[in-house]
Amino acid sequence: MSITRNYCFMIEMLKKNRFVRFLFSGGISTFINYTLTIALIFFKLNHVVAVSLAWLCATSVNFFLQKNVTFQTKLSSTPHVRFTFFIIWGFANLIITASALDQLIRRDIPYWIADLFILGVLAITNFFVYKHIIYKDSLAK
């Protein structure tokens, strides 16, 4: 009974809370990124190529999920422009993450703590960038 109640609660949170949908969509994209990277490296693909292909796939899935699940946006006649902004913001995230991680590790903060901190800051930042810039014409409540 408790499992069913918790499941129903989680479904209701996904339906009603845009930030929860954002985290859910981002989690799926992150899972795809890591899984695909590991699989491609396992099959002896060059690690730089593997990471790049996995990032591109995960970013494409993330764009689709953010558009359709999180913000439920009906894009204008120029979805390629939105996707381009999404990719540019993804590169900006990569640069921010690498720079911040480097600075925090140089200050003797353990990698995993630095990475979690950056992940949290970027999750909140990304939500507002997506909401107010990339998907600003969202029709969802």
N, C-alpha and C. Protein backbone atom coordinates (compact mmCIF):
# COMPACT_ATOMS: atom_id res chain seq x y z
N MET A 1 0.83 -1.19 0.00
CA MET A 1 0.00 0.00 0.00
C MET A 1 0.87 1.26 0.00
N SER A 2 1.93 1.25 0.82
CA SER A 2 2.80 2.41 0.92
C SER A 2 3.57 2.65 -0.38
N ILE A 3 3.98 1.57 -1.03
CA ILE A 3 4.69 1.72 -2.30
C ILE A 3 3.78 2.36 -3.35
N THR A 4 2.54 1.93 -3.39
CA THR A 4 1.58 2.49 -4.34
C THR A 4 1.34 3.97 -4.05
N ARG A 5 1.22 4.30 -2.79
CA ARG A 5 1.00 5.69 -2.40
C ARG A 5 2.20 6.55 -2.79
N ASN A 6 3.42 6.05 -2.55
CA ASN A 6 4.63 6.79 -2.92
C ASN A 6 4.73 6.94 -4.43
N TYR A 7 4.39 5.90 -5.16
CA TYR A 7 4.42 5.95 -6.63
C TYR A 7 3.44 7.01 -7.13
N CYS A 8 2.23 7.01 -6.59
CA CYS A 8 1.22 8.00 -7.00
C CYS A 8 1.68 9.42 -6.66
N PHE A 9 2.32 9.58 -5.51
CA PHE A 9 2.85 10.89 -5.12
C PHE A 9 3.90 11.36 -6.12
N MET A 10 4.81 10.45 -6.52
CA MET A 10 5.85 10.82 -7.48
C MET A 10 5.24 11.19 -8.82
N ILE A 11 4.24 10.47 -9.27
CA ILE A 11 3.58 10.78 -10.54
C ILE A 11 2.92 12.15 -10.47
N GLU A 12 2.26 12.45 -9.36
CA GLU A 12 1.62 13.75 -9.18
C GLU A 12 2.65 14.88 -9.18
N MET A 13 3.80 14.64 -8.54
CA MET A 13 4.87 15.65 -8.54
C MET A 13 5.36 15.91 -9.96
N LEU A 14 5.50 14.85 -10.75
CA LEU A 14 5.94 15.02 -12.14
C LEU A 14 4.91 15.81 -12.95
N LYS A 15 3.65 15.58 -12.67
CA LYS A 15 2.61 16.28 -13.42
C LYS A 15 2.51 17.75 -13.04
N LYS A 16 2.68 18.06 -11.77
CA LYS A 16 2.40 19.41 -11.28
C LYS A 16 3.63 20.32 -11.18
N ASN A 17 4.80 19.76 -10.97
CA ASN A 17 5.96 20.58 -10.64
C ASN A 17 6.96 20.59 -11.80
N ARG A 18 7.09 21.73 -12.43
CA ARG A 18 7.98 21.87 -13.59
C ARG A 18 9.44 21.60 -13.22
N PHE A 19 9.88 22.04 -12.04
CA PHE A 19 11.27 21.81 -11.65
C PHE A 19 11.54 20.32 -11.45
N VAL A 20 10.59 19.58 -10.92
CA VAL A 20 10.74 18.12 -10.77
C VAL A 20 10.83 17.47 -12.15
N ARG A 21 10.00 17.93 -13.09
CA ARG A 21 10.08 17.40 -14.46
C ARG A 21 11.43 17.73 -15.08
N PHE A 22 11.95 18.93 -14.79
CA PHE A 22 13.26 19.33 -15.28
C PHE A 22 14.34 18.39 -14.75
N LEU A 23 14.32 18.10 -13.45
CA LEU A 23 15.31 17.20 -12.86
C LEU A 23 15.16 15.78 -13.42
N PHE A 24 13.93 15.34 -13.60
CA PHE A 24 13.67 14.01 -14.16
C PHE A 24 14.24 13.91 -15.58
N SER A 25 13.95 14.90 -16.41
CA SER A 25 14.45 14.90 -17.79
C SER A 25 15.98 14.97 -17.83
N GLY A 26 16.54 15.82 -17.00
CA GLY A 26 18.00 15.92 -16.92
C GLY A 26 18.64 14.64 -16.43
N GLY A 27 17.98 13.97 -15.50
CA GLY A 27 18.49 12.69 -14.99
C GLY A 27 18.53 11.62 -16.07
N ILE A 28 17.49 11.58 -16.88
CA ILE A 28 17.45 10.61 -17.99
C ILE A 28 18.58 10.93 -18.98
N SER A 29 18.76 12.18 -19.30
CA SER A 29 19.81 12.57 -20.24
C SER A 29 21.20 12.26 -19.69
N THR A 30 21.40 12.49 -18.41
CA THR A 30 22.68 12.18 -17.78
C THR A 30 22.93 10.68 -17.81
N PHE A 31 21.92 9.90 -17.52
CA PHE A 31 22.04 8.44 -17.57
C PHE A 31 22.43 7.98 -18.98
N ILE A 32 21.78 8.54 -19.99
CA ILE A 32 22.11 8.20 -21.38
C ILE A 32 23.55 8.58 -21.69
N ASN A 33 23.97 9.75 -21.26
CA ASN A 33 25.33 10.21 -21.51
C ASN A 33 26.36 9.24 -20.93
N TYR A 34 26.22 8.93 -19.64
CA TYR A 34 27.19 8.05 -18.99
C TYR A 34 27.15 6.63 -19.57
N THR A 35 25.95 6.10 -19.77
CA THR A 35 25.82 4.74 -20.29
C THR A 35 26.41 4.62 -21.68
N LEU A 36 26.09 5.56 -22.54
CA LEU A 36 26.61 5.53 -23.90
C LEU A 36 28.12 5.72 -23.93
N THR A 37 28.64 6.60 -23.09
CA THR A 37 30.09 6.79 -23.02
C THR A 37 30.78 5.49 -22.62
N ILE A 38 30.29 4.85 -21.58
CA ILE A 38 30.89 3.59 -21.11
C ILE A 38 30.79 2.52 -22.19
N ALA A 39 29.63 2.42 -22.84
CA ALA A 39 29.45 1.40 -23.88
C ALA A 39 30.40 1.63 -25.06
N LEU A 40 30.51 2.86 -25.51
CA LEU A 40 31.37 3.15 -26.66
C LEU A 40 32.85 2.91 -26.33
N ILE A 41 33.25 3.26 -25.13
CA ILE A 41 34.63 3.00 -24.72
C ILE A 41 34.86 1.50 -24.58
N PHE A 42 33.88 0.78 -24.05
CA PHE A 42 33.98 -0.67 -23.93
C PHE A 42 34.21 -1.32 -25.29
N PHE A 43 33.56 -0.78 -26.32
CA PHE A 43 33.71 -1.32 -27.68
C PHE A 43 34.90 -0.70 -28.41
N LYS A 44 35.86 -0.17 -27.62
CA LYS A 44 37.16 0.28 -28.13
C LYS A 44 37.12 1.53 -29.00
N LEU A 45 36.08 2.33 -28.89
CA LEU A 45 36.06 3.60 -29.60
C LEU A 45 36.97 4.56 -28.84
N ASN A 46 37.66 5.41 -29.53
CA ASN A 46 38.51 6.42 -28.92
C ASN A 46 37.70 7.17 -27.86
N HIS A 47 38.29 7.39 -26.69
CA HIS A 47 37.54 8.00 -25.59
C HIS A 47 37.04 9.41 -25.89
N VAL A 48 37.81 10.18 -26.65
CA VAL A 48 37.36 11.54 -26.99
C VAL A 48 36.16 11.47 -27.93
N VAL A 49 36.21 10.58 -28.90
CA VAL A 49 35.08 10.39 -29.82
C VAL A 49 33.87 9.85 -29.06
N ALA A 50 34.12 8.90 -28.16
CA ALA A 50 33.03 8.31 -27.38
C ALA A 50 32.31 9.35 -26.53
N VAL A 51 33.10 10.17 -25.82
CA VAL A 51 32.50 11.21 -24.97
C VAL A 51 31.75 12.22 -25.82
N SER A 52 32.32 12.58 -26.97
CA SER A 52 31.67 13.56 -27.85
C SER A 52 30.36 13.04 -28.41
N LEU A 53 30.35 11.81 -28.89
CA LEU A 53 29.12 11.22 -29.43
C LEU A 53 28.06 11.06 -28.35
N ALA A 54 28.49 10.60 -27.18
CA ALA A 54 27.54 10.43 -26.08
C ALA A 54 26.95 11.77 -25.66
N TRP A 55 27.80 12.81 -25.59
CA TRP A 55 27.31 14.14 -25.21
C TRP A 55 26.30 14.66 -26.23
N LEU A 56 26.61 14.47 -27.53
CA LEU A 56 25.70 14.95 -28.57
C LEU A 56 24.36 14.21 -28.51
N CYS A 57 24.41 12.90 -28.31
CA CYS A 57 23.16 12.12 -28.19
C CYS A 57 22.36 12.56 -26.96
N ALA A 58 23.05 12.65 -25.82
CA ALA A 58 22.37 13.02 -24.58
C ALA A 58 21.81 14.44 -24.65
N THR A 59 22.53 15.33 -25.28
CA THR A 59 22.06 16.71 -25.41
C THR A 59 20.83 16.78 -26.31
N SER A 60 20.82 15.99 -27.36
CA SER A 60 19.64 15.94 -28.24
C SER A 60 18.43 15.39 -27.50
N VAL A 61 18.64 14.32 -26.73
CA VAL A 61 17.55 13.76 -25.93
C VAL A 61 17.09 14.78 -24.89
N ASN A 62 18.04 15.46 -24.26
CA ASN A 62 17.70 16.46 -23.26
C ASN A 62 16.86 17.59 -23.87
N PHE A 63 17.24 18.05 -25.04
CA PHE A 63 16.47 19.10 -25.72
C PHE A 63 15.03 18.63 -25.94
N PHE A 64 14.88 17.42 -26.46
CA PHE A 64 13.55 16.85 -26.72
C PHE A 64 12.74 16.73 -25.43
N LEU A 65 13.38 16.20 -24.36
CA LEU A 65 12.66 16.03 -23.09
C LEU A 65 12.31 17.36 -22.45
N GLN A 66 13.24 18.31 -22.47
CA GLN A 66 12.94 19.62 -21.88
C GLN A 66 11.81 20.30 -22.65
N LYS A 67 11.84 20.17 -23.97
CA LYS A 67 10.80 20.78 -24.80
C LYS A 67 9.44 20.15 -24.55
N ASN A 68 9.39 18.82 -24.54
CA ASN A 68 8.10 18.12 -24.50
C ASN A 68 7.62 17.73 -23.11
N VAL A 69 8.53 17.45 -22.19
CA VAL A 69 8.13 16.99 -20.87
C VAL A 69 8.16 18.14 -19.86
N THR A 70 9.28 18.82 -19.77
CA THR A 70 9.43 19.85 -18.75
C THR A 70 8.60 21.09 -19.05
N PHE A 71 8.83 21.68 -20.21
CA PHE A 71 8.19 22.96 -20.52
C PHE A 71 6.99 22.83 -21.45
N GLN A 72 6.79 21.65 -22.01
CA GLN A 72 5.65 21.36 -22.88
C GLN A 72 5.41 22.51 -23.86
N THR A 73 6.49 22.87 -24.54
CA THR A 73 6.49 24.02 -25.42
C THR A 73 6.14 23.64 -26.85
N LYS A 74 5.33 24.44 -27.44
CA LYS A 74 5.08 24.34 -28.88
C LYS A 74 6.06 25.32 -29.51
N LEU A 75 7.11 24.77 -30.11
CA LEU A 75 8.15 25.63 -30.67
C LEU A 75 7.64 26.40 -31.87
N SER A 76 8.27 27.51 -32.11
CA SER A 76 7.94 28.32 -33.27
C SER A 76 8.37 27.59 -34.54
N SER A 77 8.29 28.28 -35.65
CA SER A 77 8.66 27.66 -36.91
C SER A 77 10.17 27.50 -37.08
N THR A 78 10.94 27.88 -36.07
CA THR A 78 12.39 27.79 -36.15
C THR A 78 12.98 26.97 -35.00
N PRO A 79 12.65 25.69 -34.90
CA PRO A 79 13.19 24.89 -33.80
C PRO A 79 14.70 24.74 -33.87
N HIS A 80 15.27 24.84 -35.06
CA HIS A 80 16.73 24.73 -35.19
C HIS A 80 17.44 25.88 -34.46
N VAL A 81 16.79 27.04 -34.39
CA VAL A 81 17.39 28.16 -33.67
C VAL A 81 17.41 27.85 -32.18
N ARG A 82 16.33 27.30 -31.65
CA ARG A 82 16.27 26.94 -30.24
C ARG A 82 17.31 25.86 -29.93
N PHE A 83 17.41 24.87 -30.83
CA PHE A 83 18.37 23.80 -30.62
C PHE A 83 19.79 24.36 -30.64
N THR A 84 20.05 25.32 -31.51
CA THR A 84 21.37 25.95 -31.57
C THR A 84 21.68 26.67 -30.25
N PHE A 85 20.72 27.42 -29.71
CA PHE A 85 20.91 28.07 -28.41
C PHE A 85 21.15 27.03 -27.32
N PHE A 86 20.40 25.93 -27.40
CA PHE A 86 20.53 24.86 -26.42
C PHE A 86 21.94 24.28 -26.45
N ILE A 87 22.47 24.03 -27.66
CA ILE A 87 23.82 23.49 -27.82
C ILE A 87 24.87 24.50 -27.34
N ILE A 88 24.70 25.77 -27.69
CA ILE A 88 25.64 26.80 -27.25
C ILE A 88 25.65 26.88 -25.72
N TRP A 89 24.47 26.83 -25.10
CA TRP A 89 24.41 26.86 -23.65
C TRP A 89 25.05 25.59 -23.07
N GLY A 90 24.91 24.47 -23.75
CA GLY A 90 25.58 23.23 -23.32
C GLY A 90 27.09 23.37 -23.32
N PHE A 91 27.63 23.99 -24.37
CA PHE A 91 29.08 24.25 -24.41
C PHE A 91 29.48 25.21 -23.29
N ALA A 92 28.67 26.21 -23.04
CA ALA A 92 28.96 27.14 -21.95
C ALA A 92 29.00 26.40 -20.62
N ASN A 93 28.06 25.47 -20.42
CA ASN A 93 28.06 24.64 -19.21
C ASN A 93 29.33 23.83 -19.09
N LEU A 94 29.78 23.29 -20.21
CA LEU A 94 31.01 22.50 -20.21
C LEU A 94 32.20 23.35 -19.78
N ILE A 95 32.29 24.55 -20.31
CA ILE A 95 33.40 25.45 -19.97
C ILE A 95 33.30 25.87 -18.50
N ILE A 96 32.11 26.21 -18.06
CA ILE A 96 31.91 26.60 -16.66
C ILE A 96 32.27 25.45 -15.73
N THR A 97 31.81 24.25 -16.06
CA THR A 97 32.09 23.08 -15.22
C THR A 97 33.58 22.80 -15.14
N ALA A 98 34.23 22.78 -16.29
CA ALA A 98 35.67 22.48 -16.31
C ALA A 98 36.46 23.54 -15.53
N SER A 99 36.13 24.80 -15.73
CA SER A 99 36.85 25.88 -15.03
C SER A 99 36.60 25.85 -13.53
N ALA A 100 35.35 25.71 -13.15
CA ALA A 100 35.01 25.69 -11.73
C ALA A 100 35.60 24.46 -11.05
N LEU A 101 35.53 23.33 -11.71
CA LEU A 101 36.09 22.11 -11.16
C LEU A 101 37.59 22.25 -10.95
N ASP A 102 38.26 22.81 -11.92
CA ASP A 102 39.71 23.03 -11.82
C ASP A 102 40.02 23.92 -10.62
N GLN A 103 39.29 25.01 -10.47
CA GLN A 103 39.54 25.94 -9.37
C GLN A 103 39.25 25.31 -8.01
N LEU A 104 38.17 24.56 -7.91
CA LEU A 104 37.82 23.94 -6.62
C LEU A 104 38.81 22.84 -6.25
N ILE A 105 39.24 22.06 -7.21
CA ILE A 105 40.22 20.99 -6.93
C ILE A 105 41.56 21.60 -6.53
N ARG A 106 41.94 22.70 -7.13
CA ARG A 106 43.19 23.39 -6.75
C ARG A 106 43.14 23.89 -5.31
N ARG A 107 41.94 24.06 -4.80
CA ARG A 107 41.77 24.50 -3.41
C ARG A 107 41.57 23.31 -2.47
N ASP A 108 41.99 22.14 -2.94
CA ASP A 108 41.95 20.89 -2.16
C ASP A 108 40.55 20.43 -1.78
N ILE A 109 39.57 20.81 -2.57
CA ILE A 109 38.22 20.28 -2.37
C ILE A 109 38.15 18.98 -3.15
N PRO A 110 37.70 17.90 -2.52
CA PRO A 110 37.63 16.62 -3.23
C PRO A 110 36.78 16.71 -4.50
N TYR A 111 37.20 15.97 -5.51
CA TYR A 111 36.54 16.02 -6.81
C TYR A 111 35.04 15.82 -6.70
N TRP A 112 34.61 14.80 -5.98
CA TRP A 112 33.18 14.47 -5.94
C TRP A 112 32.37 15.55 -5.25
N ILE A 113 32.93 16.22 -4.26
CA ILE A 113 32.22 17.32 -3.60
C ILE A 113 32.13 18.52 -4.56
N ALA A 114 33.24 18.82 -5.21
CA ALA A 114 33.26 19.93 -6.17
C ALA A 114 32.26 19.67 -7.31
N ASP A 115 32.26 18.45 -7.81
CA ASP A 115 31.37 18.10 -8.91
C ASP A 115 29.90 18.20 -8.50
N LEU A 116 29.57 17.72 -7.29
CA LEU A 116 28.19 17.83 -6.80
C LEU A 116 27.78 19.29 -6.61
N PHE A 117 28.67 20.10 -6.09
CA PHE A 117 28.38 21.52 -5.90
C PHE A 117 28.09 22.19 -7.25
N ILE A 118 28.97 21.95 -8.22
CA ILE A 118 28.80 22.54 -9.55
C ILE A 118 27.51 22.04 -10.19
N LEU A 119 27.24 20.75 -10.06
CA LEU A 119 26.02 20.16 -10.61
C LEU A 119 24.78 20.86 -10.04
N GLY A 120 24.78 21.10 -8.74
CA GLY A 120 23.64 21.77 -8.11
C GLY A 120 23.46 23.19 -8.59
N VAL A 121 24.55 23.93 -8.65
CA VAL A 121 24.49 25.33 -9.12
C VAL A 121 24.02 25.38 -10.57
N LEU A 122 24.58 24.52 -11.42
CA LEU A 122 24.19 24.54 -12.84
C LEU A 122 22.77 24.03 -13.05
N ALA A 123 22.30 23.11 -12.23
CA ALA A 123 20.92 22.64 -12.37
C ALA A 123 19.95 23.80 -12.16
N ILE A 124 20.18 24.57 -11.13
CA ILE A 124 19.30 25.72 -10.86
C ILE A 124 19.45 26.77 -11.96
N THR A 125 20.68 27.07 -12.34
CA THR A 125 20.93 28.05 -13.40
C THR A 125 20.29 27.60 -14.71
N ASN A 126 20.50 26.34 -15.08
CA ASN A 126 19.94 25.83 -16.33
C ASN A 126 18.43 25.92 -16.35
N PHE A 127 17.79 25.60 -15.22
CA PHE A 127 16.34 25.67 -15.17
C PHE A 127 15.85 27.07 -15.55
N PHE A 128 16.48 28.10 -14.98
CA PHE A 128 16.05 29.46 -15.27
C PHE A 128 16.42 29.91 -16.68
N VAL A 129 17.57 29.48 -17.17
CA VAL A 129 17.94 29.81 -18.56
C VAL A 129 16.96 29.15 -19.53
N TYR A 130 16.66 27.89 -19.30
CA TYR A 130 15.70 27.20 -20.18
C TYR A 130 14.33 27.87 -20.10
N LYS A 131 13.89 28.15 -18.87
CA LYS A 131 12.55 28.71 -18.67
C LYS A 131 12.41 30.12 -19.25
N HIS A 132 13.41 30.97 -19.06
CA HIS A 132 13.27 32.37 -19.43
C HIS A 132 13.91 32.76 -20.75
N ILE A 133 14.73 31.88 -21.31
CA ILE A 133 15.38 32.21 -22.59
C ILE A 133 15.04 31.20 -23.67
N ILE A 134 15.40 29.95 -23.45
CA ILE A 134 15.25 28.95 -24.52
C ILE A 134 13.80 28.56 -24.75
N TYR A 135 13.05 28.35 -23.67
CA TYR A 135 11.64 27.94 -23.80
C TYR A 135 10.71 29.00 -23.23
N LYS A 136 11.03 30.25 -23.47
CA LYS A 136 10.28 31.34 -22.82
C LYS A 136 8.81 31.41 -23.24
N ASP A 137 8.48 30.82 -24.38
CA ASP A 137 7.07 30.86 -24.81
C ASP A 137 6.32 29.60 -24.39
N SER A 138 6.80 28.98 -23.31
CA SER A 138 6.18 27.75 -22.80
C SER A 138 4.71 27.98 -22.53
N LEU A 139 3.91 27.00 -22.91
CA LEU A 139 2.47 27.08 -22.69
C LEU A 139 2.04 26.36 -21.42
N ALA A 140 2.98 25.61 -20.81
CA ALA A 140 2.64 24.84 -19.59
C ALA A 140 2.54 25.77 -18.40
N LYS A 141 1.77 25.34 -17.43
CA LYS A 141 1.60 26.12 -16.20
C LYS A 141 2.78 25.92 -15.29
